[in-house]
């Protein structure tokens, strides 16, 4: 090759490399990240066992924690600050997890990053790994420190405020070797909680759909009642009419709950009463609003069981056709251990009158 031709070829190569660098640099500026997180291509059909082996060989809990932190914050920088690590460490962890899974979990946009469709599907499972790890460490610590076993209890608010509030303190006193981990749950999510095996036992009403491998044990009957503070003008009245109730100010129930339909039936064909528009499922906020503003409210007796017992609230003497499904325990058909057996035995296995606890 002639010297002139050789020099032209070198110049052309230099220009081409410069163009490639410029394109790559612009891409990095658009993504806001020096490290690409796109996973390498994998075969269209991947064996679950292959993925398991890759994660066992390469995966680390710290990487999983970083992925969850990025998903929650929507920012690599914020996730790094939350975990007290460098941003490159977070970016590298995300890239490695994506490479191991063969999935792109995040995509970038002008204000940060967001989960891809695959990321949205995978994230709940990744979070379960962290929760399971937390439960594992709690169980190990309890075993080492006191020889205790952990019992995971998920309970709807009505169950917590009724028979759990009455019986759990005595159970803990009689069973110091059992650590109860009680979480308040939303009754609308019971089926998914059972499917994910999040709890050893669930305090709830009978599920609307049968749950394979689990059985419901009723504990207490329940019903709706009209609730007010003890200083309310209708408190203690022997006779209360529908006109009396129409003149009261009511706390608006949340949409979709039985109390909403009950109120609609109660005042059907009549002018509705004045409503304070605070439809909330919060037990504490409901109680505070009823007492502070002098309202009346329709609610299950079980929700305000403790307040009715201590006379912080009272039932208005007006009959309602409002029977509800009982509250009880949703338990695995196959016992998971002695701790669960003792808990079920202590929580009263028979039904009783509304608002009271069954005697074993």
Protein backbone atom coordinates (compact mmCIF):
# COMPACT_ATOMS: atom_id res chain seq x y z
CA UNK A 1 0.00 0.00 0.00
CA UNK A 2 1.31 3.44 -0.89
CA UNK A 3 2.13 5.77 2.02
CA UNK A 4 -0.60 8.18 1.01
CA UNK A 5 -3.18 5.40 0.86
CA UNK A 6 -1.97 4.04 4.18
CA UNK A 7 -2.33 7.43 5.82
CA UNK A 8 -5.86 7.87 4.43
CA UNK A 9 -6.86 4.45 5.79
CA UNK A 10 -5.55 5.32 9.25
CA UNK A 11 -7.37 8.66 9.19
CA UNK A 12 -10.62 7.00 8.13
CA UNK A 13 -10.30 4.44 10.95
CA UNK A 14 -9.68 7.21 13.46
CA UNK A 15 -12.79 9.08 12.33
CA UNK A 16 -14.88 5.90 12.51
CA UNK A 17 -13.67 5.15 16.04
CA UNK A 18 -14.47 8.73 17.03
CA UNK A 19 -18.00 8.41 15.69
CA UNK A 20 -18.50 5.17 17.58
CA UNK A 21 -17.21 6.80 20.80
CA UNK A 22 -19.58 9.76 20.29
CA UNK A 23 -22.59 7.47 19.83
CA UNK A 24 -21.69 5.44 22.91
CA UNK A 25 -21.08 8.62 24.92
CA UNK A 26 -24.50 10.01 23.92
CA UNK A 27 -26.17 6.77 24.91
CA UNK A 28 -24.51 6.91 28.33
CA UNK A 29 -25.68 10.50 28.78
CA UNK A 30 -29.24 9.53 27.89
CA UNK A 31 -29.26 6.59 30.29
CA UNK A 32 -27.44 8.51 33.03
CA UNK A 33 -25.29 5.48 33.72
CA UNK A 34 -21.87 4.26 32.58
CA UNK A 35 -22.81 0.60 32.99
CA UNK A 36 -25.33 -1.01 30.68
CA UNK A 37 -27.91 -3.18 32.43
CA UNK A 38 -29.27 -5.00 29.39
CA UNK A 39 -29.01 -8.72 30.01
CA UNK A 40 -27.16 -10.94 27.53
CA UNK A 41 -29.32 -13.03 25.24
CA UNK A 42 -30.27 -16.50 26.44
CA UNK A 43 -32.01 -19.39 24.71
CA UNK A 44 -35.74 -18.88 24.28
CA UNK A 45 -36.44 -21.84 26.57
CA UNK A 46 -34.49 -21.81 29.82
CA UNK A 47 -34.58 -24.58 32.41
CA UNK A 48 -35.64 -23.46 35.91
CA UNK A 49 -32.89 -25.71 37.24
CA UNK A 50 -30.32 -23.86 35.11
CA UNK A 51 -31.47 -20.51 36.52
CA UNK A 52 -31.39 -21.93 40.05
CA UNK A 53 -27.82 -23.14 39.63
CA UNK A 54 -26.73 -19.77 38.22
CA UNK A 55 -28.26 -17.93 41.18
CA UNK A 56 -26.77 -20.38 43.71
CA UNK A 57 -23.34 -19.93 42.15
CA UNK A 58 -23.41 -16.19 41.51
CA UNK A 59 -26.32 -14.62 43.36
CA UNK A 60 -25.88 -12.73 46.62
CA UNK A 61 -28.41 -11.39 49.09
CA UNK A 62 -26.79 -7.98 48.86
CA UNK A 63 -27.58 -7.85 45.13
CA UNK A 64 -31.20 -8.72 45.82
CA UNK A 65 -31.38 -5.99 48.46
CA UNK A 66 -30.03 -3.46 45.98
CA UNK A 67 -32.51 -4.45 43.26
CA UNK A 68 -35.41 -3.99 45.70
CA UNK A 69 -34.02 -0.63 46.85
CA UNK A 70 -33.80 0.60 43.24
CA UNK A 71 -37.34 -0.55 42.51
CA UNK A 72 -38.71 1.22 45.58
CA UNK A 73 -36.86 4.50 45.06
CA UNK A 74 -36.91 4.66 41.26
CA UNK A 75 -33.34 5.91 41.30
CA UNK A 76 -29.89 4.34 41.37
CA UNK A 77 -28.53 7.32 43.27
CA UNK A 78 -31.26 7.24 45.92
CA UNK A 79 -30.90 3.48 46.36
CA UNK A 80 -27.16 3.96 46.87
CA UNK A 81 -27.78 6.65 49.50
CA UNK A 82 -30.38 4.50 51.28
CA UNK A 83 -27.98 1.56 51.50
CA UNK A 84 -24.87 3.68 52.18
CA UNK A 85 -22.99 2.32 49.16
CA UNK A 86 -21.65 3.83 45.94
CA UNK A 87 -23.84 4.19 42.88
CA UNK A 88 -21.49 2.06 40.74
CA UNK A 89 -21.93 -0.77 43.25
CA UNK A 90 -25.70 -0.58 42.87
CA UNK A 91 -25.48 -0.39 39.08
CA UNK A 92 -23.15 -3.38 39.01
CA UNK A 93 -25.46 -5.42 41.27
CA UNK A 94 -28.46 -4.72 39.02
CA UNK A 95 -26.45 -5.62 35.91
CA UNK A 96 -25.29 -8.90 37.46
CA UNK A 97 -28.79 -9.93 38.54
CA UNK A 98 -30.14 -9.11 35.09
CA UNK A 99 -27.35 -11.13 33.50
CA UNK A 100 -28.00 -14.12 35.78
CA UNK A 101 -31.74 -14.04 35.08
CA UNK A 102 -31.46 -13.17 31.41
CA UNK A 103 -34.05 -10.43 31.94
CA UNK A 104 -34.01 -6.66 31.78
CA UNK A 105 -35.62 -5.55 35.05
CA UNK A 106 -35.37 -1.76 34.63
CA UNK A 107 -35.75 0.79 31.87
CA UNK A 108 -34.64 4.38 32.00
CA UNK A 109 -36.70 7.52 31.42
CA UNK A 110 -36.17 11.24 31.84
CA UNK A 111 -36.78 11.27 35.61
CA UNK A 112 -35.03 8.07 36.61
CA UNK A 113 -35.71 4.39 36.08
CA UNK A 114 -38.77 2.16 36.29
CA UNK A 115 -39.54 -1.51 36.27
CA UNK A 116 -40.07 -3.28 32.99
CA UNK A 117 -42.96 -5.71 32.58
CA UNK A 118 -40.60 -8.55 33.53
CA UNK A 119 -39.36 -6.53 36.50
CA UNK A 120 -42.90 -6.02 37.79
CA UNK A 121 -43.50 -9.77 37.60
CA UNK A 122 -40.25 -10.72 39.30
CA UNK A 123 -40.07 -8.04 42.02
CA UNK A 124 -42.69 -9.58 44.39
CA UNK A 125 -40.74 -12.85 44.33
CA UNK A 126 -37.46 -11.05 45.01
CA UNK A 127 -39.07 -9.23 47.95
CA UNK A 128 -40.24 -12.58 49.31
CA UNK A 129 -36.62 -13.74 49.38
CA UNK A 130 -35.73 -10.77 51.58
CA UNK A 131 -38.74 -11.35 53.86
CA UNK A 132 -37.91 -15.04 54.15
CA UNK A 133 -34.34 -14.13 55.04
CA UNK A 134 -35.60 -11.75 57.71
CA UNK A 135 -37.84 -14.46 59.16
CA UNK A 136 -34.92 -16.91 59.08
CA UNK A 137 -32.68 -14.55 61.05
CA UNK A 138 -35.46 -13.87 63.58
CA UNK A 139 -36.03 -17.59 64.05
CA UNK A 140 -32.32 -18.27 64.49
CA UNK A 141 -31.94 -15.39 66.96
CA UNK A 142 -34.99 -16.55 68.94
CA UNK A 143 -33.67 -20.12 69.05
CA UNK A 144 -30.19 -19.04 70.13
CA UNK A 145 -31.35 -16.48 72.68
CA UNK A 146 -34.21 -18.31 74.37
CA UNK A 147 -34.99 -21.52 72.54
CA UNK A 148 -38.22 -19.94 71.21
CA UNK A 149 -40.11 -20.80 68.04
CA UNK A 150 -41.80 -18.14 65.87
CA UNK A 151 -45.47 -18.30 64.88
CA UNK A 152 -46.50 -15.97 62.05
CA UNK A 153 -50.06 -14.69 62.48
CA UNK A 154 -51.86 -12.52 59.92
CA UNK A 155 -55.07 -10.97 61.25
CA UNK A 156 -57.79 -8.65 59.97
CA UNK A 157 -58.60 -5.66 62.18
CA UNK A 158 -61.84 -7.22 63.44
CA UNK A 159 -59.96 -10.29 64.65
CA UNK A 160 -57.26 -8.24 66.36
CA UNK A 161 -59.76 -6.03 68.17
CA UNK A 162 -61.96 -8.92 69.30
CA UNK A 163 -60.72 -12.31 70.41
CA UNK A 164 -56.99 -11.76 69.74
CA UNK A 165 -56.96 -8.70 72.04
CA UNK A 166 -58.65 -10.77 74.74
CA UNK A 167 -56.70 -14.01 74.42
CA UNK A 168 -53.22 -13.27 73.08
CA UNK A 169 -51.83 -11.68 76.29
CA UNK A 170 -52.77 -14.78 78.27
CA UNK A 171 -51.39 -17.04 75.55
CA UNK A 172 -48.03 -15.26 75.63
CA UNK A 173 -47.95 -15.52 79.43
CA UNK A 174 -48.64 -19.26 79.30
CA UNK A 175 -46.31 -19.96 76.36
CA UNK A 176 -43.09 -18.00 76.83
CA UNK A 177 -41.29 -20.31 74.40
CA UNK A 178 -43.40 -19.07 71.45
CA UNK A 179 -42.72 -15.75 69.77
CA UNK A 180 -45.88 -14.42 68.10
CA UNK A 181 -45.35 -12.21 65.05
CA UNK A 182 -48.77 -10.62 64.44
CA UNK A 183 -49.39 -8.45 61.37
CA UNK A 184 -52.61 -6.63 60.50
CA UNK A 185 -53.70 -7.66 57.00
CA UNK A 186 -56.37 -6.63 54.49
CA UNK A 187 -59.11 -9.23 54.27
CA UNK A 188 -59.31 -8.73 50.51
CA UNK A 189 -55.84 -10.25 50.08
CA UNK A 190 -56.24 -13.45 52.09
CA UNK A 191 -56.14 -15.81 49.12
CA UNK A 192 -52.88 -14.36 47.84
CA UNK A 193 -51.36 -14.49 51.34
CA UNK A 194 -52.27 -18.17 51.60
CA UNK A 195 -50.83 -18.86 48.14
CA UNK A 196 -47.56 -17.15 49.09
CA UNK A 197 -47.34 -19.01 52.42
CA UNK A 198 -46.74 -15.74 54.26
CA UNK A 199 -48.31 -16.84 57.56
CA UNK A 200 -48.70 -19.97 59.67
CA UNK A 201 -52.29 -19.04 60.58
CA UNK A 202 -54.67 -16.28 59.48
CA UNK A 203 -57.38 -14.66 61.61
CA UNK A 204 -60.21 -13.69 59.28
CA UNK A 205 -63.72 -14.46 58.06
CA UNK A 206 -64.37 -17.53 55.87
CA UNK A 207 -62.72 -17.04 52.45
CA UNK A 208 -65.12 -16.60 49.55
CA UNK A 209 -63.22 -19.26 47.58
CA UNK A 210 -62.08 -22.62 49.02
CA UNK A 211 -58.38 -22.73 49.91
CA UNK A 212 -56.73 -26.04 49.14
CA UNK A 213 -54.90 -27.45 52.14
CA UNK A 214 -56.40 -24.93 54.58
CA UNK A 215 -59.53 -25.09 56.75
CA UNK A 216 -61.53 -22.41 58.54
CA UNK A 217 -62.27 -22.81 62.27
CA UNK A 218 -65.00 -20.38 63.48
CA UNK A 219 -64.35 -18.65 66.81
CA UNK A 220 -66.90 -15.84 67.31
CA UNK A 221 -70.11 -14.70 65.64
CA UNK A 222 -70.35 -11.11 64.52
CA UNK A 223 -72.92 -8.53 63.45
CA UNK A 224 -73.24 -4.88 62.53
CA UNK A 225 -74.34 -2.28 65.05
CA UNK A 226 -74.82 1.47 65.19
CA UNK A 227 -71.94 2.85 67.26
CA UNK A 228 -71.62 6.23 69.00
CA UNK A 229 -69.83 7.85 71.89
CA UNK A 230 -71.32 7.51 75.40
CA UNK A 231 -72.25 11.22 75.43
CA UNK A 232 -74.27 11.03 72.21
CA UNK A 233 -77.97 12.11 72.63
CA UNK A 234 -79.17 8.67 71.48
CA UNK A 235 -76.89 6.73 73.82
CA UNK A 236 -78.92 4.83 76.40
CA UNK A 237 -82.27 5.64 74.76
CA UNK A 238 -84.69 2.72 75.06
CA UNK A 239 -86.51 3.61 71.84
CA UNK A 240 -84.76 5.02 68.77
CA UNK A 241 -86.64 5.70 65.54
CA UNK A 242 -85.50 6.01 61.95
CA UNK A 243 -86.26 9.75 62.13
CA UNK A 244 -83.92 10.02 65.13
CA UNK A 245 -81.16 8.37 63.09
CA UNK A 246 -81.81 10.59 60.07
CA UNK A 247 -81.20 13.69 62.19
CA UNK A 248 -77.77 12.41 63.28
CA UNK A 249 -74.47 13.09 61.57
CA UNK A 250 -72.93 9.88 60.26
CA UNK A 251 -69.41 8.78 59.45
CA UNK A 252 -69.30 7.72 55.80
CA UNK A 253 -68.25 4.07 55.46
CA UNK A 254 -65.62 2.98 52.93
CA UNK A 255 -66.90 2.08 49.48
CA UNK A 256 -67.73 -1.55 48.94
CA UNK A 257 -67.97 -2.67 52.56
CA UNK A 258 -71.22 -4.25 53.88
CA UNK A 259 -71.83 -1.20 56.10
CA UNK A 260 -72.24 0.97 52.99
CA UNK A 261 -74.99 -1.28 51.60
CA UNK A 262 -76.61 -1.47 55.05
CA UNK A 263 -76.86 2.31 55.29
CA UNK A 264 -78.33 2.54 51.80
CA UNK A 265 -81.00 0.00 52.77
CA UNK A 266 -81.67 1.72 56.09
CA UNK A 267 -82.53 5.08 54.51
CA UNK A 268 -83.92 3.78 51.23
CA UNK A 269 -86.84 5.92 50.03
CA UNK A 270 -86.00 8.68 52.53
CA UNK A 271 -83.76 11.70 52.53
CA UNK A 272 -80.24 10.52 53.45
CA UNK A 273 -78.64 11.88 56.62
CA UNK A 274 -75.70 14.25 56.74
CA UNK A 275 -72.40 12.44 56.20
CA UNK A 276 -68.91 13.35 57.32
CA UNK A 277 -66.88 12.34 54.29
CA UNK A 278 -64.04 10.36 55.80
CA UNK A 279 -64.38 6.84 54.40
CA UNK A 280 -61.46 5.05 56.05
CA UNK A 281 -60.65 1.52 57.14
CA UNK A 282 -58.46 2.80 59.96
CA UNK A 283 -59.82 1.63 63.30
CA UNK A 284 -58.01 4.40 65.19
CA UNK A 285 -59.23 7.17 62.87
CA UNK A 286 -62.80 5.86 62.90
CA UNK A 287 -62.92 5.82 66.69
CA UNK A 288 -61.34 9.27 67.04
CA UNK A 289 -63.71 10.85 64.50
CA UNK A 290 -66.84 9.34 66.04
CA UNK A 291 -65.85 10.56 69.51
CA UNK A 292 -64.46 13.97 68.55
CA UNK A 293 -67.30 15.01 66.23
CA UNK A 294 -70.17 13.26 68.02
CA UNK A 295 -71.01 11.05 65.05
CA UNK A 296 -72.77 7.72 64.67
CA UNK A 297 -71.38 4.93 62.55
CA UNK A 298 -72.34 1.48 61.31
CA UNK A 299 -69.58 -1.05 61.97
CA UNK A 300 -69.07 -4.70 62.89
CA UNK A 301 -69.25 -5.20 66.66
CA UNK A 302 -65.89 -6.97 66.51
CA UNK A 303 -64.11 -3.86 65.20
CA UNK A 304 -64.88 -1.89 68.39
CA UNK A 305 -65.01 -4.84 70.77
CA UNK A 306 -62.46 -3.40 73.21
CA UNK A 307 -64.06 0.08 73.20
CA UNK A 308 -67.54 -1.34 73.79
CA UNK A 309 -66.26 -3.51 76.62
CA UNK A 310 -64.54 -0.52 78.28
CA UNK A 311 -67.56 1.73 77.54
CA UNK A 312 -65.54 4.16 75.47
CA UNK A 313 -68.18 3.59 72.79
CA UNK A 314 -71.77 2.38 73.00
CA UNK A 315 -74.33 0.64 70.80
CA UNK A 316 -77.40 2.62 69.77
CA UNK A 317 -80.56 0.65 70.51
CA UNK A 318 -81.82 0.20 66.97
CA UNK A 319 -82.26 -3.27 65.45
CA UNK A 320 -80.34 -4.07 62.28
CA UNK A 321 -80.68 -7.16 60.11
CA UNK A 322 -76.98 -7.42 59.78
CA UNK A 323 -75.64 -10.90 60.55
CA UNK A 324 -72.08 -11.38 59.29
CA UNK A 325 -69.87 -14.39 58.64
CA UNK A 326 -68.04 -15.46 61.81
CA UNK A 327 -64.46 -14.59 62.64
CA UNK A 328 -62.07 -17.45 63.11
CA UNK A 329 -58.80 -19.12 62.20
CA UNK A 330 -57.71 -20.19 58.74
CA UNK A 331 -55.25 -23.00 59.43
CA UNK A 332 -53.25 -25.51 57.38
CA UNK A 333 -54.84 -28.96 57.29
CA UNK A 334 -51.46 -30.45 58.16
CA UNK A 335 -50.06 -29.07 61.41
CA UNK A 336 -46.82 -27.17 61.02
CA UNK A 337 -45.76 -27.74 64.60
CA UNK A 338 -46.58 -27.69 68.27
CA UNK A 339 -46.64 -23.88 68.43
CA UNK A 340 -49.51 -23.71 65.93
CA UNK A 341 -51.41 -26.49 67.70
CA UNK A 342 -51.20 -24.67 71.03
CA UNK A 343 -52.24 -21.37 69.47
CA UNK A 344 -55.31 -22.88 67.79
CA UNK A 345 -56.34 -24.62 71.01
CA UNK A 346 -56.03 -21.38 72.98
CA UNK A 347 -57.97 -19.22 70.54
CA UNK A 348 -61.32 -20.98 71.25
CA UNK A 349 -62.37 -23.54 68.64
CA UNK A 350 -66.17 -23.03 68.94
CA UNK A 351 -68.52 -20.25 67.96
CA UNK A 352 -70.07 -18.01 70.62
CA UNK A 353 -72.54 -15.17 70.83
CA UNK A 354 -71.82 -11.99 68.88
CA UNK A 355 -68.88 -10.02 70.18
CA UNK A 356 -67.87 -12.53 72.82
CA UNK A 357 -65.20 -15.18 72.87
CA UNK A 358 -66.03 -18.85 72.83
CA UNK A 359 -64.98 -20.85 75.83
CA UNK A 360 -62.84 -23.86 74.94
